[in-house]
Amino acid sequence: MDELVDILDDQGKPTGQSCLKSEAHQKGLLHPTVHVWLYTPDGRVLIQQRSKNKATHPSLWDVSVAGHVSAGENIVNAAVREVAEEVGLTVSESDLELLCTFKAIHKISEDFTDAELHHIFLCQLTVPLNQLNKQESEVDDLALVPLFKFAEETWGLASVGKYVPHGPTYYKTIIKAIKSRT
């Protein structure tokens, strides 16, 4: 779905300009996104398999929930909205813990550069996997994996081709943060 997104400068500050997400991708303009990592108290992490119809990284495993922040939308509200949309889970602002921001720029093709400032949140998953309701247009599958297995598969990208290539630094940050909370 094409939507208006706010454009950020190189330091991640709003420029006051907005454009369609498709234009931001075409021109490689930095814009905000949210990543919400859901984890269980016993040390498992929820991952989603991206839809085979996605323009970027189809069928690869990825963050529990991810999405664009609409123009003028509050970052935390976007995270709450995306969790509800993608996995059918209602969370509140107080359930979300902002971990950090992570700037990622990936040239997908000649006319598609993904330039995003990910606002990364952690959120404890308090319901069983079978109570989640995946958004069919965005998510092909959901899985809960033990944190140690997830770490093995993403640190150093041992399973290249299975996960979205966020890079070892990104994955190490997430894994260390979840490990310290379980």
C-alpha atoms as a PDB file:
ATOM      1  CA  MET A   1       0.000   0.000   0.000  1.00  0.00           C
ATOM      2  CA  ASP A   2       1.351   3.399  -0.943  1.00  0.00           C
ATOM      3  CA  GLU A   3       1.114   5.964   1.811  1.00  0.00           C
ATOM      4  CA  LEU A   4       2.571   9.333   2.689  1.00  0.00           C
ATOM      5  CA  VAL A   5       5.774   9.186   4.753  1.00  0.00           C
ATOM      6  CA  ASP A   6       7.835  11.953   6.352  1.00  0.00           C
ATOM      7  CA  ILE A   7      11.305  12.548   4.947  1.00  0.00           C
ATOM      8  CA  LEU A   8      14.282  12.715   7.314  1.00  0.00           C
ATOM      9  CA  ASP A   9      17.696  14.349   6.934  1.00  0.00           C
ATOM     10  CA  ASP A  10      20.959  12.417   7.261  1.00  0.00           C
ATOM     11  CA  GLN A  11      20.826  12.772  11.060  1.00  0.00           C
ATOM     12  CA  GLY A  12      17.296  11.344  11.211  1.00  0.00           C
ATOM     13  CA  LYS A  13      15.579  14.669  11.890  1.00  0.00           C
ATOM     14  CA  PRO A  14      12.328  15.562  10.089  1.00  0.00           C
ATOM     15  CA  THR A  15      12.813  17.829   7.085  1.00  0.00           C
ATOM     16  CA  GLY A  16       9.203  19.001   7.106  1.00  0.00           C
ATOM     17  CA  GLN A  17       8.639  17.287   3.762  1.00  0.00           C
ATOM     18  CA  SER A  18       6.485  14.260   2.991  1.00  0.00           C
ATOM     19  CA  CYS A  19       5.981  12.137  -0.094  1.00  0.00           C
ATOM     20  CA  LEU A  20       4.523   8.823  -1.152  1.00  0.00           C
ATOM     21  CA  LYS A  21       6.425   5.792   0.119  1.00  0.00           C
ATOM     22  CA  SER A  22       6.982   4.703  -3.484  1.00  0.00           C
ATOM     23  CA  GLU A  23       8.643   8.041  -4.285  1.00  0.00           C
ATOM     24  CA  ALA A  24      10.827   7.821  -1.156  1.00  0.00           C
ATOM     25  CA  HIS A  25      11.977   4.379  -2.293  1.00  0.00           C
ATOM     26  CA  GLN A  26      12.510   5.492  -5.880  1.00  0.00           C
ATOM     27  CA  LYS A  27      14.628   8.485  -4.811  1.00  0.00           C
ATOM     28  CA  GLY A  28      16.333   6.818  -1.834  1.00  0.00           C
ATOM     29  CA  LEU A  29      14.940   9.335   0.670  1.00  0.00           C
ATOM     30  CA  LEU A  30      15.402   8.506   4.362  1.00  0.00           C
ATOM     31  CA  HIS A  31      12.100   7.876   6.154  1.00  0.00           C
ATOM     32  CA  PRO A  32      11.010   6.369   9.499  1.00  0.00           C
ATOM     33  CA  THR A  33       9.919   2.787  10.115  1.00  0.00           C
ATOM     34  CA  VAL A  34       9.164   0.718  13.198  1.00  0.00           C
ATOM     35  CA  HIS A  35      10.487  -2.736  14.087  1.00  0.00           C
ATOM     36  CA  VAL A  36       8.846  -4.511  17.013  1.00  0.00           C
ATOM     37  CA  TRP A  37      10.550  -7.629  18.353  1.00  0.00           C
ATOM     38  CA  LEU A  38       8.179  -9.808  20.366  1.00  0.00           C
ATOM     39  CA  TYR A  39       9.769 -12.254  22.796  1.00  0.00           C
ATOM     40  CA  THR A  40       8.618 -14.648  25.493  1.00  0.00           C
ATOM     41  CA  PRO A  41       9.809 -14.728  29.113  1.00  0.00           C
ATOM     42  CA  ASP A  42      11.332 -18.171  28.468  1.00  0.00           C
ATOM     43  CA  GLY A  43      13.655 -16.804  25.775  1.00  0.00           C
ATOM     44  CA  ARG A  44      11.909 -17.354  22.449  1.00  0.00           C
ATOM     45  CA  VAL A  45      11.559 -14.747  19.739  1.00  0.00           C
ATOM     46  CA  LEU A  46       8.679 -14.327  17.294  1.00  0.00           C
ATOM     47  CA  ILE A  47       9.741 -14.142  13.664  1.00  0.00           C
ATOM     48  CA  GLN A  48       7.585 -13.650  10.611  1.00  0.00           C
ATOM     49  CA  GLN A  49       8.001 -14.965   7.124  1.00  0.00           C
ATOM     50  CA  ARG A  50       7.420 -12.121   4.716  1.00  0.00           C
ATOM     51  CA  SER A  51       4.788 -12.658   2.052  1.00  0.00           C
ATOM     52  CA  LYS A  52       6.011 -14.175  -1.192  1.00  0.00           C
ATOM     53  CA  ASN A  53       4.380 -11.152  -2.883  1.00  0.00           C
ATOM     54  CA  LYS A  54       6.488  -8.505  -1.087  1.00  0.00           C
ATOM     55  CA  ALA A  55       8.615  -6.225  -3.303  1.00  0.00           C
ATOM     56  CA  THR A  56      11.617  -6.624  -1.001  1.00  0.00           C
ATOM     57  CA  HIS A  57      12.910  -9.849   0.527  1.00  0.00           C
ATOM     58  CA  PRO A  58       9.881 -12.018  -0.333  1.00  0.00           C
ATOM     59  CA  SER A  59       9.535 -15.234   1.684  1.00  0.00           C
ATOM     60  CA  LEU A  60      12.477 -14.407   3.976  1.00  0.00           C
ATOM     61  CA  TRP A  61      12.151 -14.523   7.774  1.00  0.00           C
ATOM     62  CA  ASP A  62      12.213 -11.148   9.493  1.00  0.00           C
ATOM     63  CA  VAL A  63      11.427  -9.067  12.553  1.00  0.00           C
ATOM     64  CA  SER A  64       8.203  -9.950  14.428  1.00  0.00           C
ATOM     65  CA  VAL A  65       6.475  -6.827  13.121  1.00  0.00           C
ATOM     66  CA  ALA A  66       7.726  -4.047  10.860  1.00  0.00           C
ATOM     67  CA  GLY A  67       6.169  -1.190   8.978  1.00  0.00           C
ATOM     68  CA  HIS A  68       6.347   2.362   7.777  1.00  0.00           C
ATOM     69  CA  VAL A  69       5.413   5.349   9.905  1.00  0.00           C
ATOM     70  CA  SER A  70       2.729   7.374   8.135  1.00  0.00           C
ATOM     71  CA  ALA A  71       3.315  11.094   7.617  1.00  0.00           C
ATOM     72  CA  GLY A  72       2.587  12.966  10.846  1.00  0.00           C
ATOM     73  CA  GLU A  73       2.133   9.745  12.827  1.00  0.00           C
ATOM     74  CA  ASN A  74       3.712   9.340  16.248  1.00  0.00           C
ATOM     75  CA  ILE A  75       6.407   6.620  16.251  1.00  0.00           C
ATOM     76  CA  VAL A  76       4.934   4.695  19.197  1.00  0.00           C
ATOM     77  CA  ASN A  77       1.423   4.886  17.725  1.00  0.00           C
ATOM     78  CA  ALA A  78       2.810   3.452  14.477  1.00  0.00           C
ATOM     79  CA  ALA A  79       4.352   0.551  16.419  1.00  0.00           C
ATOM     80  CA  VAL A  80       1.062  -0.166  18.218  1.00  0.00           C
ATOM     81  CA  ARG A  81      -0.822   0.012  14.890  1.00  0.00           C
ATOM     82  CA  GLU A  82       1.604  -2.284  13.064  1.00  0.00           C
ATOM     83  CA  VAL A  83       1.470  -4.946  15.801  1.00  0.00           C
ATOM     84  CA  ALA A  84      -2.337  -4.962  15.550  1.00  0.00           C
ATOM     85  CA  GLU A  85      -2.282  -5.076  11.738  1.00  0.00           C
ATOM     86  CA  GLU A  86       0.414  -7.688  11.165  1.00  0.00           C
ATOM     87  CA  VAL A  87      -0.155 -10.174  13.999  1.00  0.00           C
ATOM     88  CA  GLY A  88      -3.581  -9.210  15.379  1.00  0.00           C
ATOM     89  CA  LEU A  89      -2.244  -8.414  18.840  1.00  0.00           C
ATOM     90  CA  THR A  90      -3.386  -5.438  20.893  1.00  0.00           C
ATOM     91  CA  VAL A  91      -0.515  -3.796  22.770  1.00  0.00           C
ATOM     92  CA  SER A  92      -0.352  -0.480  24.581  1.00  0.00           C
ATOM     93  CA  GLU A  93       2.350   2.169  24.616  1.00  0.00           C
ATOM     94  CA  SER A  94       3.505   0.927  28.008  1.00  0.00           C
ATOM     95  CA  ASP A  95       4.055  -2.586  26.582  1.00  0.00           C
ATOM     96  CA  LEU A  96       6.651  -1.247  24.145  1.00  0.00           C
ATOM     97  CA  GLU A  97      10.237  -0.532  25.083  1.00  0.00           C
ATOM     98  CA  LEU A  98      12.179   1.647  22.645  1.00  0.00           C
ATOM     99  CA  LEU A  99      15.560  -0.013  22.284  1.00  0.00           C
ATOM    100  CA  CYS A 100      17.332   2.147  19.705  1.00  0.00           C
ATOM    101  CA  THR A 101      17.244   3.485  16.185  1.00  0.00           C
ATOM    102  CA  PHE A 102      19.126   1.872  13.342  1.00  0.00           C
ATOM    103  CA  LYS A 103      19.795   3.521   9.998  1.00  0.00           C
ATOM    104  CA  ALA A 104      19.654   1.091   7.062  1.00  0.00           C
ATOM    105  CA  ILE A 105      20.182   1.882   3.398  1.00  0.00           C
ATOM    106  CA  HIS A 106      19.824  -0.927   0.853  1.00  0.00           C
ATOM    107  CA  LYS A 107      19.877  -0.490  -2.909  1.00  0.00           C
ATOM    108  CA  ILE A 108      17.339  -3.056  -4.090  1.00  0.00           C
ATOM    109  CA  SER A 109      17.420  -2.094  -7.781  1.00  0.00           C
ATOM    110  CA  GLU A 110      18.255   0.881 -10.019  1.00  0.00           C
ATOM    111  CA  ASP A 111      14.992   2.589  -9.103  1.00  0.00           C
ATOM    112  CA  PHE A 112      14.493   1.275  -5.547  1.00  0.00           C
ATOM    113  CA  THR A 113      16.639   2.281  -2.592  1.00  0.00           C
ATOM    114  CA  ASP A 114      15.317   1.414   0.846  1.00  0.00           C
ATOM    115  CA  ALA A 115      16.616   4.227   3.086  1.00  0.00           C
ATOM    116  CA  GLU A 116      15.027   3.778   6.479  1.00  0.00           C
ATOM    117  CA  LEU A 117      15.539   4.824  10.066  1.00  0.00           C
ATOM    118  CA  HIS A 118      14.223   1.841  12.042  1.00  0.00           C
ATOM    119  CA  HIS A 119      12.819   2.670  15.473  1.00  0.00           C
ATOM    120  CA  ILE A 120      13.344  -0.649  17.241  1.00  0.00           C
ATOM    121  CA  PHE A 121      11.061  -1.736  20.065  1.00  0.00           C
ATOM    122  CA  LEU A 122      10.963  -4.777  22.315  1.00  0.00           C
ATOM    123  CA  CYS A 123       7.674  -6.164  23.583  1.00  0.00           C
ATOM    124  CA  GLN A 124       6.983  -9.204  25.712  1.00  0.00           C
ATOM    125  CA  LEU A 125       4.631 -11.675  24.023  1.00  0.00           C
ATOM    126  CA  THR A 126       2.063 -12.756  26.588  1.00  0.00           C
ATOM    127  CA  VAL A 127      -0.265 -14.860  24.437  1.00  0.00           C
ATOM    128  CA  PRO A 128       0.318 -18.228  22.750  1.00  0.00           C
ATOM    129  CA  LEU A 129       1.379 -18.298  19.094  1.00  0.00           C
ATOM    130  CA  ASN A 130      -1.975 -19.805  18.058  1.00  0.00           C
ATOM    131  CA  GLN A 131      -3.788 -16.681  19.316  1.00  0.00           C
ATOM    132  CA  LEU A 132      -1.981 -14.452  16.823  1.00  0.00           C
ATOM    133  CA  ASN A 133      -3.724 -13.595  13.568  1.00  0.00           C
ATOM    134  CA  LYS A 134      -1.300 -12.881  10.721  1.00  0.00           C
ATOM    135  CA  GLN A 135      -2.083 -10.296   8.073  1.00  0.00           C
ATOM    136  CA  GLU A 136      -2.415 -12.447   4.962  1.00  0.00           C
ATOM    137  CA  SER A 137      -1.211  -9.750   2.532  1.00  0.00           C
ATOM    138  CA  GLU A 138       2.007  -9.133   4.487  1.00  0.00           C
ATOM    139  CA  VAL A 139       2.860 -12.312   6.400  1.00  0.00           C
ATOM    140  CA  ASP A 140       3.053 -15.909   5.137  1.00  0.00           C
ATOM    141  CA  ASP A 141       3.960 -17.527   8.465  1.00  0.00           C
ATOM    142  CA  LEU A 142       4.840 -16.891  12.104  1.00  0.00           C
ATOM    143  CA  ALA A 143       7.209 -18.917  14.286  1.00  0.00           C
ATOM    144  CA  LEU A 144       8.556 -18.820  17.818  1.00  0.00           C
ATOM    145  CA  VAL A 145      12.228 -19.813  17.880  1.00  0.00           C
ATOM    146  CA  PRO A 146      14.572 -20.217  20.837  1.00  0.00           C
ATOM    147  CA  LEU A 147      16.837 -17.193  21.157  1.00  0.00           C
ATOM    148  CA  PHE A 148      19.998 -19.341  20.987  1.00  0.00           C
ATOM    149  CA  LYS A 149      18.878 -20.855  17.654  1.00  0.00           C
ATOM    150  CA  PHE A 150      17.970 -17.415  16.313  1.00  0.00           C
ATOM    151  CA  ALA A 151      21.409 -16.159  17.371  1.00  0.00           C
ATOM    152  CA  GLU A 152      23.164 -19.078  15.649  1.00  0.00           C
ATOM    153  CA  GLU A 153      21.246 -18.422  12.440  1.00  0.00           C
ATOM    154  CA  THR A 154      21.714 -14.644  12.324  1.00  0.00           C
ATOM    155  CA  TRP A 155      25.070 -13.823  13.950  1.00  0.00           C
ATOM    156  CA  GLY A 156      27.483 -13.926  11.080  1.00  0.00           C
ATOM    157  CA  LEU A 157      24.461 -14.730   8.916  1.00  0.00           C
ATOM    158  CA  ALA A 158      24.982 -18.490   9.036  1.00  0.00           C
ATOM    159  CA  SER A 159      21.621 -18.930   7.325  1.00  0.00           C
ATOM    160  CA  VAL A 160      22.111 -16.538   4.429  1.00  0.00           C
ATOM    161  CA  GLY A 161      19.021 -16.712   2.298  1.00  0.00           C
ATOM    162  CA  LYS A 162      16.708 -17.494   5.224  1.00  0.00           C
ATOM    163  CA  TYR A 163      16.600 -14.092   6.961  1.00  0.00           C
ATOM    164  CA  VAL A 164      16.316 -10.518   5.754  1.00  0.00           C
ATOM    165  CA  PRO A 165      19.940  -9.288   5.613  1.00  0.00           C
ATOM    166  CA  HIS A 166      19.809  -6.613   8.320  1.00  0.00           C
ATOM    167  CA  GLY A 167      23.448  -7.390   9.142  1.00  0.00           C
ATOM    168  CA  PRO A 168      25.243  -8.886  12.154  1.00  0.00           C
ATOM    169  CA  THR A 169      25.346  -5.632  14.169  1.00  0.00           C
ATOM    170  CA  TYR A 170      21.580  -5.255  13.943  1.00  0.00           C
ATOM    171  CA  TYR A 171      20.893  -8.869  14.932  1.00  0.00           C
ATOM    172  CA  LYS A 172      23.466  -8.842  17.764  1.00  0.00           C
ATOM    173  CA  THR A 173      21.827  -5.733  19.231  1.00  0.00           C
ATOM    174  CA  ILE A 174      18.412  -7.406  19.238  1.00  0.00           C
ATOM    175  CA  ILE A 175      19.641 -10.743  20.602  1.00  0.00           C
ATOM    176  CA  LYS A 176      21.670  -9.188  23.443  1.00  0.00           C
ATOM    177  CA  ALA A 177      18.733  -6.988  24.444  1.00  0.00           C
ATOM    178  CA  ILE A 178      16.254  -9.879  24.511  1.00  0.00           C
ATOM    179  CA  LYS A 179      18.709 -12.148  26.314  1.00  0.00           C
ATOM    180  CA  SER A 180      19.139  -9.579  29.090  1.00  0.00           C
ATOM    181  CA  ARG A 181      15.353  -9.529  29.618  1.00  0.00           C
ATOM    182  CA  THR A 182      14.703 -13.272  29.772  1.00  0.00           C
END
